[in-house]
Amino acid sequence: MLEVGAERGVTARQCLEDTEISPEMLGGGAAVSGAQELAVAANLVTATAHAPGVGLAVGERLSLRAYGVWGFALLTCPTVRSAVELGLRYLPLTYAMTGLSMRVRGDEATLVVEDDHDAPEVLRPFLVEREIAVTAGILRTILGESPPSMRVTFSLSPTSVDYSRALGAPVAFDAPHNAIVTDAAVLDLPLPQADSLTMTACERACRSLLLERCSPFVAQQVRTIIAEGVTDADLIAARLHLSSRTLRRHLAAEGTSLRGLVDEARRSKAIELMTLHNLSVEQVALRLGYADAPTFIRAFRRWTSTTPTAYATELRSGRYP
């Protein structure tokens, strides 16, 4: 969104206003919450005077790999149908701001992008544009080409923006739904990068991430803050408007601790870096802030009772959950 804003004369400071996000945080790969993403979108839409096509421009830049393990899972599914079903099952992992559903009627398959989200009315055209562009891009990526017979419908009215050129498909406006429509036969097309072992490992990771994000109370709030790169107890407590002592008490009541949550985050990140990005033990240690590889290996043994290399090998074989 910052790149699209810059192209339209909107500064990063304007986009990030009142979001508690700094450009430095983004450069460091810190996680951004759904609420923060929505706030950035609102700033961008306001600063560009609600110009049509901004959502399309943002959606075009969101590659499948930007979605991490969710994206890898889709890429390695056997068919378009299984990829769509898996994607919808774990949609909360994407911070999508709209609902998405698949309907198959007769010889047509329709991916409907809902615009009935709790987001402010003025943001809905942007969010619909973005999700349509993202979804079309994902379909092209997993297939290696545009789906045959793909067409797009918008409930929006026509504008001066060439939506058809941007999406690479015919576009109709003032339609009942915001949707991507293809022949139903497209759902059974095989995907060129299908890999059952990788898909199984990725779906397992998606399931674990979804369970973590659905965890209640203070522990889940702490997980979100840790994902932003903050691990200091006092800073986390301040973000939650608690004292450090009260924070520890809440976490203990939920059967965990700050150290345990930090270890959990590092463990998940380490596994992702090794299995999905094929980084070496030394590279992972550096990315996670360890002084050297042996220190990281000792920590990993404490988390899993095995070495990083052995764990990655067994995960790919399907042994570990």
Protein backbone atom coordinates (compact mmCIF):
# COMPACT_ATOMS: atom_id res chain seq x y z
CA MET A 1 0.00 0.00 0.00
CA LEU A 2 2.88 2.34 0.71
CA GLU A 3 4.29 1.75 -2.78
CA VAL A 4 0.94 2.49 -4.42
CA GLY A 5 0.55 5.56 -2.24
CA ALA A 6 4.01 6.84 -3.19
CA GLU A 7 3.13 6.54 -6.88
CA ARG A 8 0.14 8.77 -6.20
CA GLY A 9 1.97 11.36 -4.14
CA VAL A 10 1.02 9.97 -0.72
CA THR A 11 3.88 9.75 1.77
CA ALA A 12 4.58 6.76 4.01
CA ARG A 13 3.91 9.01 6.98
CA GLN A 14 0.41 9.77 5.69
CA CYS A 15 -0.32 6.07 5.11
CA LEU A 16 0.94 5.04 8.55
CA GLU A 17 -0.66 7.86 10.55
CA ASP A 18 -2.34 6.64 13.77
CA THR A 19 -1.45 2.98 13.06
CA GLU A 20 1.43 2.47 15.54
CA ILE A 21 3.51 1.25 12.57
CA SER A 22 6.81 2.80 11.57
CA PRO A 23 8.63 2.35 8.24
CA GLU A 24 11.46 0.73 10.22
CA MET A 25 9.07 -1.93 11.56
CA LEU A 26 7.99 -2.82 8.04
CA GLY A 27 11.59 -3.00 6.85
CA GLY A 28 12.33 -5.45 9.65
CA GLY A 29 9.55 -7.79 8.57
CA ALA A 30 7.35 -7.17 11.64
CA ALA A 31 3.82 -8.55 11.48
CA VAL A 32 0.92 -6.17 10.90
CA SER A 33 -2.47 -6.85 12.46
CA GLY A 34 -5.72 -6.81 10.52
CA ALA A 35 -6.82 -3.66 12.32
CA GLN A 36 -3.57 -1.92 11.40
CA GLU A 37 -3.88 -3.00 7.78
CA LEU A 38 -7.41 -1.61 7.68
CA ALA A 39 -6.18 1.68 9.16
CA VAL A 40 -3.47 1.98 6.50
CA ALA A 41 -6.06 1.28 3.81
CA ALA A 42 -8.31 4.00 5.22
CA ASN A 43 -5.45 6.50 5.20
CA LEU A 44 -4.55 5.59 1.61
CA VAL A 45 -8.15 5.85 0.39
CA THR A 46 -8.60 9.22 2.09
CA ALA A 47 -5.30 10.61 0.81
CA THR A 48 -6.13 9.57 -2.77
CA ALA A 49 -9.62 11.10 -2.54
CA HIS A 50 -11.33 7.72 -2.95
CA ALA A 51 -9.93 7.33 -6.46
CA PRO A 52 -11.12 4.19 -8.27
CA GLY A 53 -8.50 1.60 -9.15
CA VAL A 54 -6.31 2.06 -6.07
CA GLY A 55 -7.47 -1.27 -4.65
CA LEU A 56 -6.64 -2.97 -7.94
CA ALA A 57 -3.13 -1.52 -7.88
CA VAL A 58 -2.58 -2.79 -4.33
CA GLY A 59 -3.99 -6.24 -5.08
CA GLU A 60 -1.80 -6.67 -8.16
CA ARG A 61 1.30 -6.36 -5.97
CA LEU A 62 0.32 -9.01 -3.43
CA SER A 63 2.04 -12.14 -4.72
CA LEU A 64 1.08 -15.58 -3.50
CA ARG A 65 4.45 -16.01 -1.77
CA ALA A 66 3.71 -12.92 0.33
CA TYR A 67 1.14 -15.07 2.18
CA GLY A 68 3.79 -17.42 3.55
CA VAL A 69 2.80 -20.98 4.36
CA TRP A 70 -0.81 -20.41 3.21
CA GLY A 71 0.49 -19.47 -0.23
CA PHE A 72 2.82 -22.48 -0.43
CA ALA A 73 -0.08 -24.74 0.52
CA LEU A 74 -2.21 -23.45 -2.38
CA LEU A 75 0.66 -23.66 -4.84
CA THR A 76 1.28 -27.34 -4.11
CA CYS A 77 -2.34 -28.56 -4.14
CA PRO A 78 -3.25 -31.18 -6.78
CA THR A 79 -6.09 -29.24 -8.47
CA VAL A 80 -7.66 -25.79 -8.63
CA ARG A 81 -10.64 -27.09 -6.64
CA SER A 82 -8.49 -28.38 -3.77
CA ALA A 83 -6.51 -25.12 -3.75
CA VAL A 84 -9.69 -23.03 -3.53
CA GLU A 85 -11.13 -25.23 -0.79
CA LEU A 86 -7.91 -25.12 1.24
CA GLY A 87 -7.59 -21.38 0.72
CA LEU A 88 -11.10 -20.74 1.98
CA ARG A 89 -10.63 -23.08 4.92
CA TYR A 90 -7.65 -21.08 6.17
CA LEU A 91 -8.70 -17.66 4.87
CA PRO A 92 -8.33 -16.05 8.34
CA LEU A 93 -4.56 -16.48 7.96
CA THR A 94 -4.56 -13.93 5.11
CA TYR A 95 -6.08 -10.93 6.91
CA ALA A 96 -8.59 -10.71 4.06
CA MET A 97 -10.97 -7.86 4.78
CA THR A 98 -13.86 -9.33 2.81
CA GLY A 99 -15.69 -12.61 2.83
CA LEU A 100 -15.00 -15.08 0.02
CA SER A 101 -17.04 -18.09 -1.05
CA MET A 102 -17.24 -20.55 -3.96
CA ARG A 103 -20.45 -21.46 -5.75
CA VAL A 104 -20.78 -24.09 -8.46
CA ARG A 105 -23.99 -24.02 -10.47
CA GLY A 106 -24.29 -25.99 -13.65
CA ASP A 107 -21.24 -25.41 -15.80
CA GLU A 108 -20.14 -22.24 -13.96
CA ALA A 109 -17.88 -21.84 -10.93
CA THR A 110 -18.03 -18.50 -9.13
CA LEU A 111 -15.73 -17.07 -6.47
CA VAL A 112 -17.81 -14.40 -4.77
CA VAL A 113 -16.10 -11.53 -2.95
CA GLU A 114 -18.53 -10.24 -0.35
CA ASP A 115 -18.67 -6.54 0.47
CA ASP A 116 -20.75 -6.84 3.64
CA HIS A 117 -17.77 -6.71 6.00
CA ASP A 118 -17.82 -4.48 9.07
CA ALA A 119 -15.36 -2.14 7.34
CA PRO A 120 -16.60 1.43 6.80
CA GLU A 121 -18.75 1.88 3.72
CA VAL A 122 -16.24 4.24 2.10
CA LEU A 123 -13.58 1.51 2.20
CA ARG A 124 -15.61 -1.24 0.59
CA PRO A 125 -14.89 -0.39 -3.08
CA PHE A 126 -11.15 -0.41 -2.29
CA LEU A 127 -11.37 -3.72 -0.43
CA VAL A 128 -13.46 -5.39 -3.15
CA GLU A 129 -11.05 -4.21 -5.85
CA ARG A 130 -8.11 -5.48 -3.86
CA GLU A 131 -9.57 -8.93 -3.19
CA ILE A 132 -10.66 -9.37 -6.81
CA ALA A 133 -7.15 -8.47 -8.00
CA VAL A 134 -5.49 -10.71 -5.39
CA THR A 135 -7.74 -13.67 -6.18
CA ALA A 136 -7.25 -13.33 -9.93
CA GLY A 137 -3.50 -13.14 -9.40
CA ILE A 138 -3.50 -16.25 -7.20
CA LEU A 139 -5.43 -18.24 -9.80
CA ARG A 140 -2.93 -17.21 -12.48
CA THR A 141 0.00 -18.13 -10.24
CA ILE A 142 -1.15 -21.59 -9.23
CA LEU A 143 -2.14 -22.48 -12.80
CA GLY A 144 0.80 -20.79 -14.49
CA GLU A 145 -1.61 -18.89 -16.75
CA SER A 146 -4.98 -17.14 -16.65
CA PRO A 147 -7.84 -19.59 -16.10
CA PRO A 148 -9.65 -20.35 -19.37
CA SER A 149 -12.87 -18.36 -19.78
CA MET A 150 -12.22 -16.23 -16.66
CA ARG A 151 -14.41 -13.15 -16.36
CA VAL A 152 -15.06 -10.66 -13.58
CA THR A 153 -18.20 -8.94 -12.32
CA PHE A 154 -18.47 -5.90 -10.04
CA SER A 155 -21.49 -4.51 -8.25
CA LEU A 156 -19.69 -1.16 -8.60
CA SER A 157 -20.56 1.28 -11.37
CA PRO A 158 -18.13 1.78 -14.28
CA THR A 159 -15.31 4.31 -13.87
CA SER A 160 -12.59 5.73 -16.09
CA VAL A 161 -10.21 2.95 -14.95
CA ASP A 162 -9.63 0.11 -17.44
CA TYR A 163 -10.46 -2.77 -15.10
CA SER A 164 -10.40 -5.32 -17.90
CA ARG A 165 -6.81 -4.49 -18.81
CA ALA A 166 -5.71 -4.51 -15.16
CA LEU A 167 -7.30 -7.90 -14.46
CA GLY A 168 -6.59 -9.52 -17.81
CA ALA A 169 -10.21 -10.59 -18.20
CA PRO A 170 -13.56 -9.23 -19.42
CA VAL A 171 -15.31 -7.14 -16.75
CA ALA A 172 -19.01 -6.37 -16.25
CA PHE A 173 -20.31 -3.68 -13.87
CA ASP A 174 -23.54 -3.07 -11.94
CA ALA A 175 -23.76 -6.85 -11.45
CA PRO A 176 -25.48 -8.60 -8.52
CA HIS A 177 -22.14 -9.80 -7.11
CA ASN A 178 -18.44 -8.97 -7.02
CA ALA A 179 -17.04 -12.18 -8.42
CA ILE A 180 -14.59 -14.10 -10.56
CA VAL A 181 -16.41 -16.53 -12.85
CA THR A 182 -14.94 -19.47 -14.80
CA ASP A 183 -16.16 -22.67 -16.38
CA ALA A 184 -16.69 -25.31 -13.70
CA ALA A 185 -14.26 -27.59 -15.55
CA VAL A 186 -11.43 -25.25 -14.50
CA LEU A 187 -11.79 -26.55 -10.93
CA ASP A 188 -10.50 -29.96 -11.94
CA LEU A 189 -7.42 -28.71 -13.79
CA PRO A 190 -4.17 -30.12 -12.32
CA LEU A 191 -1.67 -27.66 -10.87
CA PRO A 192 1.86 -27.72 -12.34
CA GLN A 193 3.61 -27.44 -8.96
CA ALA A 194 1.51 -30.03 -7.12
CA ASP A 195 3.46 -31.78 -4.35
CA SER A 196 1.52 -33.86 -1.86
CA LEU A 197 4.25 -33.97 0.82
CA THR A 198 4.81 -30.21 0.76
CA MET A 199 1.08 -29.52 0.71
CA THR A 200 0.49 -31.80 3.70
CA ALA A 201 3.26 -30.12 5.69
CA CYS A 202 1.99 -26.66 4.76
CA GLU A 203 -1.61 -27.48 5.64
CA ARG A 204 -0.44 -28.86 8.98
CA ALA A 205 1.35 -25.56 9.62
CA CYS A 206 -1.77 -23.62 8.56
CA ARG A 207 -3.86 -25.62 11.01
CA SER A 208 -1.45 -24.86 13.85
CA LEU A 209 -1.35 -21.16 13.00
CA LEU A 210 -5.13 -20.98 12.87
CA LEU A 211 -5.42 -22.61 16.28
CA GLU A 212 -2.92 -20.12 17.70
CA ARG A 213 -4.79 -17.14 16.27
CA CYS A 214 -8.06 -18.41 17.69
CA SER A 215 -6.60 -18.74 21.19
CA PRO A 216 -8.46 -16.53 23.68
CA PHE A 217 -7.55 -13.91 26.23
CA VAL A 218 -4.19 -12.38 27.02
CA ALA A 219 -1.93 -15.07 25.54
CA GLN A 220 -3.22 -14.46 22.03
CA GLN A 221 -2.78 -10.69 22.39
CA VAL A 222 0.80 -11.31 23.50
CA ARG A 223 1.37 -13.59 20.48
CA THR A 224 0.27 -10.76 18.19
CA ILE A 225 2.67 -8.31 19.82
CA ILE A 226 5.56 -10.80 19.71
CA ALA A 227 4.89 -11.24 15.98
CA GLU A 228 5.61 -7.52 15.62
CA GLY A 229 9.10 -8.13 17.01
CA VAL A 230 8.47 -6.99 20.60
CA THR A 231 9.62 -9.47 23.27
CA ASP A 232 10.37 -7.24 26.27
CA ALA A 233 7.95 -7.94 29.14
CA ASP A 234 7.61 -4.31 30.20
CA LEU A 235 6.89 -3.13 26.65
CA ILE A 236 4.33 -5.86 26.09
CA ALA A 237 2.64 -5.12 29.42
CA ALA A 238 2.48 -1.42 28.53
CA ARG A 239 0.85 -2.22 25.18
CA LEU A 240 -1.82 -4.19 27.04
CA HIS A 241 -2.19 -1.50 29.72
CA LEU A 242 -1.08 -3.95 32.41
CA SER A 243 1.75 -4.08 34.89
CA SER A 244 4.45 -6.68 34.21
CA ARG A 245 3.36 -8.56 37.30
CA THR A 246 -0.28 -8.63 36.20
CA LEU A 247 0.78 -9.78 32.74
CA ARG A 248 2.71 -12.70 34.22
CA ARG A 249 -0.26 -13.61 36.41
CA HIS A 250 -2.68 -13.61 33.46
CA LEU A 251 -0.36 -15.78 31.38
CA ALA A 252 0.16 -18.21 34.24
CA ALA A 253 -3.62 -18.51 34.66
CA GLU A 254 -3.81 -19.44 30.97
CA GLY A 255 -1.13 -22.08 31.44
CA THR A 256 1.73 -20.32 29.69
CA SER A 257 4.46 -17.71 30.17
CA LEU A 258 6.13 -14.96 28.19
CA ARG A 259 9.21 -17.10 27.65
CA GLY A 260 7.04 -19.95 26.44
CA LEU A 261 5.24 -17.68 23.95
CA VAL A 262 8.51 -16.22 22.67
CA ASP A 263 9.91 -19.74 22.25
CA GLU A 264 6.73 -20.76 20.45
CA ALA A 265 7.09 -17.87 18.00
CA ARG A 266 10.76 -18.58 17.39
CA ARG A 267 10.10 -22.29 16.93
CA SER A 268 7.38 -21.63 14.34
CA LYS A 269 9.55 -19.11 12.50
CA ALA A 270 12.55 -21.43 12.53
CA ILE A 271 10.54 -24.29 11.06
CA GLU A 272 9.10 -22.02 8.37
CA LEU A 273 12.54 -20.70 7.39
CA MET A 274 14.05 -24.19 7.19
CA THR A 275 11.25 -26.05 5.44
CA LEU A 276 9.67 -23.42 3.20
CA HIS A 277 12.65 -21.19 2.46
CA ASN A 278 15.38 -23.86 2.69
CA LEU A 279 17.65 -21.66 4.81
CA SER A 280 20.64 -23.24 6.50
CA VAL A 281 20.87 -23.61 10.27
CA GLU A 282 23.39 -20.74 10.33
CA GLN A 283 21.07 -18.48 8.32
CA VAL A 284 18.09 -19.28 10.54
CA ALA A 285 20.13 -18.58 13.68
CA LEU A 286 21.08 -15.18 12.27
CA ARG A 287 17.51 -14.33 11.25
CA LEU A 288 16.21 -15.20 14.73
CA GLY A 289 18.85 -13.12 16.50
CA TYR A 290 21.00 -15.87 18.00
CA ALA A 291 24.69 -15.24 18.58
CA ASP A 292 25.68 -18.34 16.62
CA ALA A 293 24.38 -21.62 15.24
CA PRO A 294 25.25 -23.75 18.31
CA THR A 295 23.18 -21.45 20.55
CA PHE A 296 20.23 -21.77 18.19
CA ILE A 297 20.64 -25.57 18.00
CA ARG A 298 20.57 -25.82 21.81
CA ALA A 299 17.39 -23.76 21.92
CA PHE A 300 15.81 -25.88 19.19
CA ARG A 301 16.67 -29.06 21.09
CA ARG A 302 14.95 -27.60 24.14
CA TRP A 303 11.81 -26.92 22.09
CA THR A 304 11.64 -30.17 20.13
CA SER A 305 14.11 -32.68 21.66
CA THR A 306 15.89 -32.97 18.32
CA THR A 307 18.17 -30.97 16.01
CA PRO A 308 16.88 -28.45 13.45
CA THR A 309 18.12 -30.53 10.52
CA ALA A 310 16.55 -33.74 11.80
CA TYR A 311 13.26 -31.99 12.55
CA ALA A 312 13.04 -30.44 9.07
CA THR A 313 13.71 -33.82 7.47
CA GLU A 314 11.05 -35.56 9.54
CA LEU A 315 8.53 -32.76 8.97
CA ARG A 316 8.83 -33.14 5.22
CA SER A 317 8.26 -36.87 5.60
CA GLY A 318 5.06 -36.17 7.56
CA ARG A 319 6.22 -37.50 10.93
CA TYR A 320 5.77 -34.34 12.99
CA PRO A 321 2.48 -32.48 13.48
